[in-house]
C-alpha cells in the first residue's frame, strides 16, 4: 500500500506505515531464547514440586 498524497497529517502517514508493516509477513517475532517458566510461590509448593523429581 502506498501512502496517498502529502495533504494527509504526518502522524497518520506514520501510523499507516506501521500498520502496513504489522499486517505484512515481514513483521515476525524474534526468538529471545528465554522462555517463561512458572514457579510455585510458596516454600511448601516448592517442596512438593521437588519431591516428584
N, C-alpha and C. Protein backbone atom coordinates (compact mmCIF):
# COMPACT_ATOMS: atom_id res chain seq x y z
N UNK A 1 0.84 -1.18 0.00
CA UNK A 1 0.00 0.00 0.00
C UNK A 1 0.88 1.24 0.00
N UNK A 2 0.62 2.12 -0.87
CA UNK A 2 1.38 3.37 -0.91
C UNK A 2 0.62 4.44 -0.16
N UNK A 3 1.36 5.38 0.35
CA UNK A 3 0.75 6.48 1.10
C UNK A 3 0.13 7.45 0.11
N UNK A 4 -1.11 7.90 0.38
CA UNK A 4 -1.73 8.86 -0.54
C UNK A 4 -0.98 10.19 -0.56
N UNK A 5 -1.56 11.17 -1.17
CA UNK A 5 -0.87 12.46 -1.34
C UNK A 5 -0.40 13.05 0.00
N UNK A 6 0.39 14.09 -0.08
CA UNK A 6 1.03 14.67 1.11
C UNK A 6 0.09 15.56 1.91
N UNK A 7 -1.18 15.67 1.54
CA UNK A 7 -2.11 16.50 2.28
C UNK A 7 -2.57 15.83 3.57
N UNK A 8 -2.19 14.56 3.76
CA UNK A 8 -2.58 13.85 4.97
C UNK A 8 -1.69 14.26 6.14
N UNK A 9 -2.24 14.19 7.34
CA UNK A 9 -1.46 14.55 8.53
C UNK A 9 -0.26 13.63 8.67
N UNK A 10 0.89 14.18 9.08
CA UNK A 10 2.12 13.36 9.20
C UNK A 10 1.96 12.19 10.18
N UNK A 11 1.23 12.40 11.28
CA UNK A 11 1.09 11.30 12.23
C UNK A 11 0.25 10.17 11.63
N UNK A 12 -0.70 10.50 10.77
CA UNK A 12 -1.48 9.44 10.12
C UNK A 12 -0.63 8.70 9.09
N UNK A 13 0.23 9.42 8.43
CA UNK A 13 1.13 8.78 7.46
C UNK A 13 2.01 7.76 8.16
N UNK A 14 2.59 8.15 9.31
CA UNK A 14 3.43 7.22 10.08
C UNK A 14 2.63 6.03 10.58
N UNK A 15 1.40 6.30 11.02
CA UNK A 15 0.56 5.21 11.51
C UNK A 15 0.28 4.22 10.40
N UNK A 16 -0.03 4.73 9.19
CA UNK A 16 -0.29 3.83 8.06
C UNK A 16 0.92 2.95 7.74
N UNK A 17 2.10 3.54 7.78
CA UNK A 17 3.31 2.75 7.51
C UNK A 17 3.48 1.64 8.55
N UNK A 18 3.31 1.99 9.83
CA UNK A 18 3.47 0.99 10.88
C UNK A 18 2.39 -0.09 10.79
N UNK A 19 1.17 0.32 10.49
CA UNK A 19 0.07 -0.64 10.37
C UNK A 19 0.32 -1.61 9.22
N UNK A 20 0.83 -1.11 8.12
CA UNK A 20 1.13 -1.96 6.97
C UNK A 20 2.23 -2.96 7.31
N UNK A 21 3.22 -2.51 8.07
CA UNK A 21 4.29 -3.42 8.48
C UNK A 21 3.73 -4.51 9.38
N UNK A 22 2.83 -4.15 10.29
CA UNK A 22 2.23 -5.15 11.17
C UNK A 22 1.45 -6.19 10.39
N UNK A 23 0.79 -5.77 9.33
CA UNK A 23 -0.02 -6.70 8.53
C UNK A 23 0.83 -7.58 7.62
N UNK A 24 2.01 -7.11 7.28
CA UNK A 24 2.82 -7.84 6.31
C UNK A 24 3.50 -9.04 6.95
N UNK A 25 4.03 -9.90 6.14
CA UNK A 25 4.74 -11.07 6.66
C UNK A 25 6.13 -10.69 7.15
N UNK A 26 6.56 -9.46 6.91
CA UNK A 26 7.88 -9.04 7.37
C UNK A 26 7.90 -8.87 8.88
N UNK A 27 6.75 -8.68 9.50
CA UNK A 27 6.68 -8.50 10.95
C UNK A 27 6.61 -9.86 11.62
N UNK A 28 7.76 -10.39 11.99
CA UNK A 28 7.84 -11.67 12.66
C UNK A 28 8.51 -11.50 14.02
N UNK A 29 8.04 -12.20 15.04
CA UNK A 29 8.68 -12.09 16.35
C UNK A 29 10.09 -12.67 16.32
N UNK A 30 10.96 -12.09 17.10
CA UNK A 30 12.34 -12.55 17.18
C UNK A 30 12.47 -13.43 18.43
N UNK A 31 12.88 -14.68 18.26
CA UNK A 31 13.00 -15.53 19.44
C UNK A 31 14.14 -15.04 20.33
N UNK A 32 13.87 -14.89 21.61
CA UNK A 32 14.87 -14.35 22.52
C UNK A 32 15.69 -15.43 23.20
N UNK A 33 15.21 -16.67 23.16
CA UNK A 33 15.93 -17.74 23.84
C UNK A 33 15.45 -17.92 25.27
N UNK A 34 14.76 -16.95 25.80
CA UNK A 34 14.22 -17.07 27.16
C UNK A 34 12.78 -17.52 27.07
N UNK A 35 12.41 -18.42 27.93
CA UNK A 35 11.02 -18.86 27.96
C UNK A 35 10.47 -18.69 29.37
N UNK A 36 9.21 -18.46 29.45
CA UNK A 36 8.55 -18.27 30.73
C UNK A 36 8.43 -19.60 31.43
N UNK A 37 8.89 -19.65 32.66
CA UNK A 37 8.73 -20.85 33.47
C UNK A 37 7.96 -20.49 34.72
N UNK A 38 6.84 -21.13 34.91
CA UNK A 38 6.03 -20.86 36.08
C UNK A 38 6.62 -21.57 37.28
N UNK A 39 6.81 -20.84 38.37
CA UNK A 39 7.39 -21.41 39.57
C UNK A 39 6.41 -21.23 40.72
N UNK A 40 6.39 -22.17 41.65
CA UNK A 40 5.49 -22.02 42.79
C UNK A 40 5.93 -20.84 43.67
N UNK A 41 4.97 -20.19 44.29
CA UNK A 41 5.24 -19.01 45.08
C UNK A 41 5.67 -19.34 46.51
N UNK A 42 5.25 -20.48 47.01
CA UNK A 42 5.46 -20.77 48.43
C UNK A 42 6.42 -21.92 48.63
N UNK A 43 7.10 -21.92 49.77
CA UNK A 43 8.11 -22.94 50.06
C UNK A 43 7.50 -24.34 50.05
N UNK A 44 6.31 -24.49 50.61
CA UNK A 44 5.67 -25.80 50.64
C UNK A 44 5.42 -26.31 49.22
N UNK A 45 5.00 -25.44 48.33
CA UNK A 45 4.75 -25.84 46.95
C UNK A 45 6.06 -26.26 46.28
N UNK A 46 7.16 -25.60 46.62
CA UNK A 46 8.46 -25.97 46.06
C UNK A 46 8.86 -27.36 46.52
N UNK A 47 8.60 -27.67 47.81
CA UNK A 47 8.95 -28.99 48.33
C UNK A 47 8.15 -30.08 47.63
N UNK A 48 6.88 -29.81 47.41
CA UNK A 48 6.03 -30.78 46.71
C UNK A 48 6.51 -30.97 45.28
N UNK A 49 6.86 -29.87 44.64
CA UNK A 49 7.34 -29.94 43.25
C UNK A 49 8.64 -30.76 43.17
N UNK A 50 9.56 -30.47 44.08
CA UNK A 50 10.87 -31.14 44.02
C UNK A 50 10.81 -32.58 44.49
N UNK A 51 9.76 -32.97 45.21
CA UNK A 51 9.63 -34.34 45.67
C UNK A 51 9.38 -35.28 44.51
N UNK A 52 8.80 -34.79 43.42
CA UNK A 52 8.50 -35.63 42.27
C UNK A 52 9.73 -35.94 41.44
N UNK A 53 10.79 -35.24 41.67
CA UNK A 53 11.98 -35.44 40.83
C UNK A 53 12.89 -36.46 41.38
